[in-house]
Amino acid sequence: MTDFSALEKVTRLIEEAPHGGAGLMFYALVKTLSTEKGGAAYLLVKLREFTPEERQLAYGLMELMASGASQEPEWGAAVARMDTAMRG
């Protein structure tokens, strides 16, 4: 069973402050990780702008993507929630 806790935490962070610095950076990272050939869309140097706790969430997202979880329905549902928050 895949642990989507990092994805859920990031989704809630984005829903709470979609246009804040961390929300925007996480959204860009998630959108990049959601695209099979999207690796160049997110500059990894942006990880420096995260707090250590936020970086741990980012690493969790990367692990999910590396394990194939970005192709799972749970990932797609979280991205849809993020998209809604960003538009709202």
PDB file of N, CA and C in Angstrom:
ATOM      1  N   MET A   1       0.842  -1.181   0.000  1.00  0.00           N
ATOM      2  CA  MET A   1       0.000   0.000   0.000  1.00  0.00           C
ATOM      3  C   MET A   1       0.888   1.245   0.000  1.00  0.00           C
ATOM      4  N   THR A   2       0.594   2.173  -0.865  1.00  0.00           N
ATOM      5  CA  THR A   2       1.380   3.398  -0.999  1.00  0.00           C
ATOM      6  C   THR A   2       0.981   4.401   0.069  1.00  0.00           C
ATOM      7  N   ASP A   3       1.976   5.041   0.666  1.00  0.00           N
ATOM      8  CA  ASP A   3       1.745   6.076   1.672  1.00  0.00           C
ATOM      9  C   ASP A   3       1.695   7.434   0.975  1.00  0.00           C
ATOM     10  N   PHE A   4       0.518   7.994   0.882  1.00  0.00           N
ATOM     11  CA  PHE A   4       0.322   9.277   0.221  1.00  0.00           C
ATOM     12  C   PHE A   4       0.309  10.444   1.211  1.00  0.00           C
ATOM     13  N   SER A   5       0.860  10.253   2.419  1.00  0.00           N
ATOM     14  CA  SER A   5       0.773  11.304   3.441  1.00  0.00           C
ATOM     15  C   SER A   5       1.475  12.598   3.017  1.00  0.00           C
ATOM     16  N   ALA A   6       2.620  12.510   2.363  1.00  0.00           N
ATOM     17  CA  ALA A   6       3.308  13.727   1.910  1.00  0.00           C
ATOM     18  C   ALA A   6       2.445  14.465   0.894  1.00  0.00           C
ATOM     19  N   LEU A   7       1.819  13.723   0.006  1.00  0.00           N
ATOM     20  CA  LEU A   7       0.953  14.335  -1.005  1.00  0.00           C
ATOM     21  C   LEU A   7      -0.242  15.011  -0.340  1.00  0.00           C
ATOM     22  N   GLU A   8      -0.823  14.372   0.661  1.00  0.00           N
ATOM     23  CA  GLU A   8      -1.965  14.962   1.360  1.00  0.00           C
ATOM     24  C   GLU A   8      -1.556  16.223   2.113  1.00  0.00           C
ATOM     25  N   LYS A   9      -0.408  16.209   2.758  1.00  0.00           N
ATOM     26  CA  LYS A   9       0.075  17.398   3.476  1.00  0.00           C
ATOM     27  C   LYS A   9       0.302  18.555   2.511  1.00  0.00           C
ATOM     28  N   VAL A  10       0.907  18.258   1.376  1.00  0.00           N
ATOM     29  CA  VAL A  10       1.165  19.309   0.379  1.00  0.00           C
ATOM     30  C   VAL A  10      -0.157  19.828  -0.189  1.00  0.00           C
ATOM     31  N   THR A  11      -1.093  18.941  -0.428  1.00  0.00           N
ATOM     32  CA  THR A  11      -2.394  19.360  -0.945  1.00  0.00           C
ATOM     33  C   THR A  11      -3.069  20.307   0.034  1.00  0.00           C
ATOM     34  N   ARG A  12      -3.057  19.969   1.321  1.00  0.00           N
ATOM     35  CA  ARG A  12      -3.663  20.839   2.332  1.00  0.00           C
ATOM     36  C   ARG A  12      -2.934  22.174   2.427  1.00  0.00           C
ATOM     37  N   LEU A  13      -1.602  22.156   2.338  1.00  0.00           N
ATOM     38  CA  LEU A  13      -0.825  23.387   2.373  1.00  0.00           C
ATOM     39  C   LEU A  13      -1.226  24.299   1.217  1.00  0.00           C
ATOM     40  N   ILE A  14      -1.366  23.725   0.039  1.00  0.00           N
ATOM     41  CA  ILE A  14      -1.758  24.507  -1.135  1.00  0.00           C
ATOM     42  C   ILE A  14      -3.181  25.024  -0.982  1.00  0.00           C
ATOM     43  N   GLU A  15      -4.085  24.196  -0.468  1.00  0.00           N
ATOM     44  CA  GLU A  15      -5.467  24.637  -0.283  1.00  0.00           C
ATOM     45  C   GLU A  15      -5.569  25.777   0.730  1.00  0.00           C
ATOM     46  N   GLU A  16      -4.704  25.767   1.746  1.00  0.00           N
ATOM     47  CA  GLU A  16      -4.721  26.808   2.773  1.00  0.00           C
ATOM     48  C   GLU A  16      -4.113  28.119   2.290  1.00  0.00           C
ATOM     49  N   ALA A  17      -3.100  28.052   1.453  1.00  0.00           N
ATOM     50  CA  ALA A  17      -2.414  29.264   0.977  1.00  0.00           C
ATOM     51  C   ALA A  17      -1.919  29.041  -0.446  1.00  0.00           C
ATOM     52  N   PRO A  18      -2.832  28.983  -1.412  1.00  0.00           N
ATOM     53  CA  PRO A  18      -2.431  28.636  -2.778  1.00  0.00           C
ATOM     54  C   PRO A  18      -1.473  29.623  -3.433  1.00  0.00           C
ATOM     55  N   HIS A  19      -1.502  30.861  -2.999  1.00  0.00           N
ATOM     56  CA  HIS A  19      -0.657  31.845  -3.670  1.00  0.00           C
ATOM     57  C   HIS A  19       0.518  32.290  -2.805  1.00  0.00           C
ATOM     58  N   GLY A  20       0.750  31.549  -1.701  1.00  0.00           N
ATOM     59  CA  GLY A  20       1.920  31.797  -0.879  1.00  0.00           C
ATOM     60  C   GLY A  20       3.149  31.197  -1.539  1.00  0.00           C
ATOM     61  N   GLY A  21       4.314  31.582  -1.071  1.00  0.00           N
ATOM     62  CA  GLY A  21       5.553  31.111  -1.679  1.00  0.00           C
ATOM     63  C   GLY A  21       5.671  29.598  -1.717  1.00  0.00           C
ATOM     64  N   ALA A  22       5.463  28.941  -0.580  1.00  0.00           N
ATOM     65  CA  ALA A  22       5.589  27.487  -0.542  1.00  0.00           C
ATOM     66  C   ALA A  22       4.502  26.828  -1.383  1.00  0.00           C
ATOM     67  N   GLY A  23       3.286  27.353  -1.324  1.00  0.00           N
ATOM     68  CA  GLY A  23       2.194  26.786  -2.114  1.00  0.00           C
ATOM     69  C   GLY A  23       2.497  26.806  -3.598  1.00  0.00           C
ATOM     70  N   LEU A  24       3.009  27.918  -4.061  1.00  0.00           N
ATOM     71  CA  LEU A  24       3.342  28.038  -5.489  1.00  0.00           C
ATOM     72  C   LEU A  24       4.483  27.102  -5.873  1.00  0.00           C
ATOM     73  N   MET A  25       5.492  27.001  -5.010  1.00  0.00           N
ATOM     74  CA  MET A  25       6.626  26.120  -5.332  1.00  0.00           C
ATOM     75  C   MET A  25       6.203  24.652  -5.303  1.00  0.00           C
ATOM     76  N   PHE A  26       5.389  24.278  -4.309  1.00  0.00           N
ATOM     77  CA  PHE A  26       4.913  22.891  -4.268  1.00  0.00           C
ATOM     78  C   PHE A  26       4.024  22.586  -5.472  1.00  0.00           C
ATOM     79  N   TYR A  27       3.183  23.515  -5.835  1.00  0.00           N
ATOM     80  CA  TYR A  27       2.294  23.294  -6.986  1.00  0.00           C
ATOM     81  C   TYR A  27       3.128  23.056  -8.249  1.00  0.00           C
ATOM     82  N   ALA A  28       4.146  23.872  -8.448  1.00  0.00           N
ATOM     83  CA  ALA A  28       5.016  23.698  -9.618  1.00  0.00           C
ATOM     84  C   ALA A  28       5.720  22.340  -9.573  1.00  0.00           C
ATOM     85  N   LEU A  29       6.167  21.941  -8.393  1.00  0.00           N
ATOM     86  CA  LEU A  29       6.835  20.646  -8.265  1.00  0.00           C
ATOM     87  C   LEU A  29       5.870  19.507  -8.568  1.00  0.00           C
ATOM     88  N   VAL A  30       4.676  19.559  -8.001  1.00  0.00           N
ATOM     89  CA  VAL A  30       3.694  18.495  -8.232  1.00  0.00           C
ATOM     90  C   VAL A  30       3.320  18.410  -9.705  1.00  0.00           C
ATOM     91  N   LYS A  31       3.109  19.550 -10.349  1.00  0.00           N
ATOM     92  CA  LYS A  31       2.758  19.533 -11.770  1.00  0.00           C
ATOM     93  C   LYS A  31       3.905  18.937 -12.593  1.00  0.00           C
ATOM     94  N   THR A  32       5.148  19.246 -12.223  1.00  0.00           N
ATOM     95  CA  THR A  32       6.301  18.677 -12.916  1.00  0.00           C
ATOM     96  C   THR A  32       6.362  17.166 -12.706  1.00  0.00           C
ATOM     97  N   LEU A  33       6.177  16.728 -11.471  1.00  0.00           N
ATOM     98  CA  LEU A  33       6.239  15.298 -11.172  1.00  0.00           C
ATOM     99  C   LEU A  33       5.076  14.532 -11.786  1.00  0.00           C
ATOM    100  N   SER A  34       4.009  15.232 -12.125  1.00  0.00           N
ATOM    101  CA  SER A  34       2.829  14.597 -12.723  1.00  0.00           C
ATOM    102  C   SER A  34       3.000  14.339 -14.208  1.00  0.00           C
ATOM    103  N   THR A  35       4.006  14.952 -14.804  1.00  0.00           N
ATOM    104  CA  THR A  35       4.241  14.839 -16.237  1.00  0.00           C
ATOM    105  C   THR A  35       5.466  13.971 -16.468  1.00  0.00           C
ATOM    106  N   GLU A  36       5.286  12.863 -17.145  1.00  0.00           N
ATOM    107  CA  GLU A  36       6.384  11.920 -17.363  1.00  0.00           C
ATOM    108  C   GLU A  36       7.642  12.579 -17.908  1.00  0.00           C
ATOM    109  N   LYS A  37       7.505  13.511 -18.806  1.00  0.00           N
ATOM    110  CA  LYS A  37       8.670  14.150 -19.409  1.00  0.00           C
ATOM    111  C   LYS A  37       8.814  15.593 -18.929  1.00  0.00           C
ATOM    112  N   GLY A  38       8.313  15.891 -17.739  1.00  0.00           N
ATOM    113  CA  GLY A  38       8.303  17.255 -17.226  1.00  0.00           C
ATOM    114  C   GLY A  38       9.479  17.612 -16.353  1.00  0.00           C
ATOM    115  N   GLY A  39      10.502  16.782 -16.293  1.00  0.00           N
ATOM    116  CA  GLY A  39      11.618  17.000 -15.393  1.00  0.00           C
ATOM    117  C   GLY A  39      12.299  18.340 -15.508  1.00  0.00           C
ATOM    118  N   ALA A  40      12.307  18.946 -16.665  1.00  0.00           N
ATOM    119  CA  ALA A  40      13.006  20.214 -16.840  1.00  0.00           C
ATOM    120  C   ALA A  40      12.150  21.416 -16.446  1.00  0.00           C
ATOM    121  N   ALA A  41      10.899  21.188 -16.095  1.00  0.00           N
ATOM    122  CA  ALA A  41      10.004  22.303 -15.803  1.00  0.00           C
ATOM    123  C   ALA A  41      10.217  22.876 -14.403  1.00  0.00           C
ATOM    124  N   TYR A  42      10.910  22.190 -13.534  1.00  0.00           N
ATOM    125  CA  TYR A  42      11.118  22.643 -12.162  1.00  0.00           C
ATOM    126  C   TYR A  42      12.609  22.660 -11.870  1.00  0.00           C
ATOM    127  N   LEU A  43      13.129  23.812 -11.533  1.00  0.00           N
ATOM    128  CA  LEU A  43      14.545  23.926 -11.212  1.00  0.00           C
ATOM    129  C   LEU A  43      14.776  23.430  -9.790  1.00  0.00           C
ATOM    130  N   LEU A  44      15.586  22.416  -9.634  1.00  0.00           N
ATOM    131  CA  LEU A  44      15.809  21.845  -8.309  1.00  0.00           C
ATOM    132  C   LEU A  44      16.468  22.822  -7.348  1.00  0.00           C
ATOM    133  N   VAL A  45      17.098  23.860  -7.865  1.00  0.00           N
ATOM    134  CA  VAL A  45      17.678  24.879  -6.997  1.00  0.00           C
ATOM    135  C   VAL A  45      16.577  25.556  -6.158  1.00  0.00           C
ATOM    136  N   LYS A  46      15.338  25.486  -6.614  1.00  0.00           N
ATOM    137  CA  LYS A  46      14.209  26.051  -5.860  1.00  0.00           C
ATOM    138  C   LYS A  46      14.037  25.351  -4.516  1.00  0.00           C
ATOM    139  N   LEU A  47      14.562  24.127  -4.373  1.00  0.00           N
ATOM    140  CA  LEU A  47      14.471  23.416  -3.097  1.00  0.00           C
ATOM    141  C   LEU A  47      15.137  24.202  -1.976  1.00  0.00           C
ATOM    142  N   ARG A  48      16.101  25.047  -2.302  1.00  0.00           N
ATOM    143  CA  ARG A  48      16.774  25.879  -1.300  1.00  0.00           C
ATOM    144  C   ARG A  48      15.805  26.842  -0.623  1.00  0.00           C
ATOM    145  N   GLU A  49      14.743  27.203  -1.325  1.00  0.00           N
ATOM    146  CA  GLU A  49      13.787  28.175  -0.788  1.00  0.00           C
ATOM    147  C   GLU A  49      12.802  27.550   0.203  1.00  0.00           C
ATOM    148  N   PHE A  50      12.741  26.226   0.253  1.00  0.00           N
ATOM    149  CA  PHE A  50      11.885  25.539   1.209  1.00  0.00           C
ATOM    150  C   PHE A  50      12.560  25.511   2.581  1.00  0.00           C
ATOM    151  N   THR A  51      11.739  25.438   3.618  1.00  0.00           N
ATOM    152  CA  THR A  51      12.271  25.166   4.953  1.00  0.00           C
ATOM    153  C   THR A  51      12.706  23.697   4.975  1.00  0.00           C
ATOM    154  N   PRO A  52      13.484  23.291   5.968  1.00  0.00           N
ATOM    155  CA  PRO A  52      13.858  21.868   6.037  1.00  0.00           C
ATOM    156  C   PRO A  52      12.635  20.943   6.065  1.00  0.00           C
ATOM    157  N   GLU A  53      11.583  21.332   6.771  1.00  0.00           N
ATOM    158  CA  GLU A  53      10.371  20.511   6.827  1.00  0.00           C
ATOM    159  C   GLU A  53       9.693  20.427   5.458  1.00  0.00           C
ATOM    160  N   GLU A  54       9.662  21.549   4.748  1.00  0.00           N
ATOM    161  CA  GLU A  54       9.063  21.565   3.412  1.00  0.00           C
ATOM    162  C   GLU A  54       9.879  20.719   2.441  1.00  0.00           C
ATOM    163  N   ARG A  55      11.214  20.755   2.604  1.00  0.00           N
ATOM    164  CA  ARG A  55      12.066  19.923   1.742  1.00  0.00           C
ATOM    165  C   ARG A  55      11.767  18.446   1.954  1.00  0.00           C
ATOM    166  N   GLN A  56      11.514  18.050   3.193  1.00  0.00           N
ATOM    167  CA  GLN A  56      11.172  16.655   3.459  1.00  0.00           C
ATOM    168  C   GLN A  56       9.890  16.261   2.731  1.00  0.00           C
ATOM    169  N   LEU A  57       8.910  17.166   2.695  1.00  0.00           N
ATOM    170  CA  LEU A  57       7.686  16.900   1.935  1.00  0.00           C
ATOM    171  C   LEU A  57       7.999  16.785   0.447  1.00  0.00           C
ATOM    172  N   ALA A  58       8.858  17.678  -0.054  1.00  0.00           N
ATOM    173  CA  ALA A  58       9.237  17.628  -1.475  1.00  0.00           C
ATOM    174  C   ALA A  58       9.915  16.295  -1.797  1.00  0.00           C
ATOM    175  N   TYR A  59      10.801  15.844  -0.919  1.00  0.00           N
ATOM    176  CA  TYR A  59      11.465  14.559  -1.146  1.00  0.00           C
ATOM    177  C   TYR A  59      10.443  13.424  -1.125  1.00  0.00           C
ATOM    178  N   GLY A  60       9.457  13.534  -0.242  1.00  0.00           N
ATOM    179  CA  GLY A  60       8.399  12.533  -0.200  1.00  0.00           C
ATOM    180  C   GLY A  60       7.625  12.480  -1.508  1.00  0.00           C
ATOM    181  N   LEU A  61       7.361  13.646  -2.084  1.00  0.00           N
ATOM    182  CA  LEU A  61       6.671  13.703  -3.379  1.00  0.00           C
ATOM    183  C   LEU A  61       7.527  13.054  -4.462  1.00  0.00           C
ATOM    184  N   MET A  62       8.832  13.328  -4.429  1.00  0.00           N
ATOM    185  CA  MET A  62       9.715  12.742  -5.428  1.00  0.00           C
ATOM    186  C   MET A  62       9.766  11.224  -5.299  1.00  0.00           C
ATOM    187  N   GLU A  63       9.770  10.712  -4.062  1.00  0.00           N
ATOM    188  CA  GLU A  63       9.750   9.267  -3.845  1.00  0.00           C
ATOM    189  C   GLU A  63       8.457   8.658  -4.380  1.00  0.00           C
ATOM    190  N   LEU A  64       7.334   9.345  -4.151  1.00  0.00           N
ATOM    191  CA  LEU A  64       6.067   8.855  -4.689  1.00  0.00           C
ATOM    192  C   LEU A  64       6.129   8.755  -6.207  1.00  0.00           C
ATOM    193  N   MET A  65       6.629   9.799  -6.856  1.00  0.00           N
ATOM    194  CA  MET A  65       6.734   9.797  -8.315  1.00  0.00           C
ATOM    195  C   MET A  65       7.646   8.668  -8.776  1.00  0.00           C
ATOM    196  N   ALA A  66       8.799   8.503  -8.092  1.00  0.00           N
ATOM    197  CA  ALA A  66       9.764   7.478  -8.493  1.00  0.00           C
ATOM    198  C   ALA A  66       9.181   6.071  -8.359  1.00  0.00           C
ATOM    199  N   SER A  67       8.254   5.893  -7.425  1.00  0.00           N
ATOM    200  CA  SER A  67       7.644   4.573  -7.232  1.00  0.00           C
ATOM    201  C   SER A  67       6.447   4.345  -8.153  1.00  0.00           C
ATOM    202  N   GLY A  68       6.126   5.342  -8.977  1.00  0.00           N
ATOM    203  CA  GLY A  68       5.012   5.197  -9.908  1.00  0.00           C
ATOM    204  C   GLY A  68       3.688   5.698  -9.375  1.00  0.00           C
ATOM    205  N   ALA A  69       3.679   6.224  -8.150  1.00  0.00           N
ATOM    206  CA  ALA A  69       2.429   6.666  -7.535  1.00  0.00           C
ATOM    207  C   ALA A  69       1.816   7.883  -8.227  1.00  0.00           C
ATOM    208  N   SER A  70       2.610   8.607  -9.010  1.00  0.00           N
ATOM    209  CA  SER A  70       2.049   9.767  -9.712  1.00  0.00           C
ATOM    210  C   SER A  70       1.093   9.346 -10.824  1.00  0.00           C
ATOM    211  N   GLN A  71       1.016   8.050 -11.082  1.00  0.00           N
ATOM    212  CA  GLN A  71       0.073   7.540 -12.079  1.00  0.00           C
ATOM    213  C   GLN A  71      -1.169   6.930 -11.421  1.00  0.00           C
ATOM    214  N   GLU A  72      -1.236   6.990 -10.096  1.00  0.00           N
ATOM    215  CA  GLU A  72      -2.348   6.415  -9.344  1.00  0.00           C
ATOM    216  C   GLU A  72      -3.510   7.406  -9.237  1.00  0.00           C
ATOM    217  N   PRO A  73      -4.727   6.917  -9.059  1.00  0.00           N
ATOM    218  CA  PRO A  73      -5.896   7.804  -8.937  1.00  0.00           C
ATOM    219  C   PRO A  73      -5.789   8.778  -7.765  1.00  0.00           C
ATOM    220  N   GLU A  74      -5.152   8.363  -6.673  1.00  0.00           N
ATOM    221  CA  GLU A  74      -5.009   9.255  -5.514  1.00  0.00           C
ATOM    222  C   GLU A  74      -4.202  10.499  -5.859  1.00  0.00           C
ATOM    223  N   TRP A  75      -3.166  10.305  -6.663  1.00  0.00           N
ATOM    224  CA  TRP A  75      -2.332  11.440  -7.088  1.00  0.00           C
ATOM    225  C   TRP A  75      -3.176  12.366  -7.961  1.00  0.00           C
ATOM    226  N   GLY A  76      -3.887  11.806  -8.911  1.00  0.00           N
ATOM    227  CA  GLY A  76      -4.717  12.623  -9.798  1.00  0.00           C
ATOM    228  C   GLY A  76      -5.779  13.395  -9.029  1.00  0.00           C
ATOM    229  N   ALA A  77      -6.375  12.780  -8.021  1.00  0.00           N
ATOM    230  CA  ALA A  77      -7.388  13.463  -7.207  1.00  0.00           C
ATOM    231  C   ALA A  77      -6.760  14.616  -6.426  1.00  0.00           C
ATOM    232  N   ALA A  78      -5.557  14.402  -5.898  1.00  0.00           N
ATOM    233  CA  ALA A  78      -4.870  15.468  -5.166  1.00  0.00           C
ATOM    234  C   ALA A  78      -4.524  16.630  -6.097  1.00  0.00           C
ATOM    235  N   VAL A  79      -4.054  16.319  -7.294  1.00  0.00           N
ATOM    236  CA  VAL A  79      -3.726  17.368  -8.258  1.00  0.00           C
ATOM    237  C   VAL A  79      -4.983  18.153  -8.633  1.00  0.00           C
ATOM    238  N   ALA A  80      -6.101  17.481  -8.778  1.00  0.00           N
ATOM    239  CA  ALA A  80      -7.362  18.177  -9.082  1.00  0.00           C
ATOM    240  C   ALA A  80      -7.731  19.132  -7.953  1.00  0.00           C
ATOM    241  N   ARG A  81      -7.537  18.712  -6.701  1.00  0.00           N
ATOM    242  CA  ARG A  81      -7.801  19.603  -5.568  1.00  0.00           C
ATOM    243  C   ARG A  81      -6.870  20.818  -5.598  1.00  0.00           C
ATOM    244  N   MET A  82      -5.608  20.573  -5.934  1.00  0.00           N
ATOM    245  CA  MET A  82      -4.644  21.670  -6.023  1.00  0.00           C
ATOM    246  C   MET A  82      -5.032  22.643  -7.134  1.00  0.00           C
ATOM    247  N   ASP A  83      -5.417  22.089  -8.281  1.00  0.00           N
ATOM    248  CA  ASP A  83      -5.835  22.944  -9.401  1.00  0.00           C
ATOM    249  C   ASP A  83      -7.001  23.839  -8.990  1.00  0.00           C
ATOM    250  N   THR A  84      -7.968  23.264  -8.277  1.00  0.00           N
ATOM    251  CA  THR A  84      -9.120  24.030  -7.804  1.00  0.00           C
ATOM    252  C   THR A  84      -8.686  25.137  -6.852  1.00  0.00           C
ATOM    253  N   ALA A  85      -7.777  24.823  -5.932  1.00  0.00           N
ATOM    254  CA  ALA A  85      -7.285  25.825  -4.996  1.00  0.00           C
ATOM    255  C   ALA A  85      -6.555  26.948  -5.710  1.00  0.00           C
ATOM    256  N   MET A  86      -5.766  26.599  -6.716  1.00  0.00           N
ATOM    257  CA  MET A  86      -5.006  27.612  -7.444  1.00  0.00           C
ATOM    258  C   MET A  86      -5.916  28.536  -8.248  1.00  0.00           C
ATOM    259  N   ARG A  87      -7.015  27.997  -8.739  1.00  0.00           N
ATOM    260  CA  ARG A  87      -7.956  28.831  -9.513  1.00  0.00           C
ATOM    261  C   ARG A  87      -8.825  29.698  -8.617  1.00  0.00           C
ATOM    262  N   GLY A  88      -9.043  29.218  -7.386  1.00  0.00           N
ATOM    263  CA  GLY A  88      -9.957  29.909  -6.472  1.00  0.00           C
ATOM    264  C   GLY A  88      -9.372  31.121  -5.906  1.00  0.00           C
TER     265      GLY A  88
END
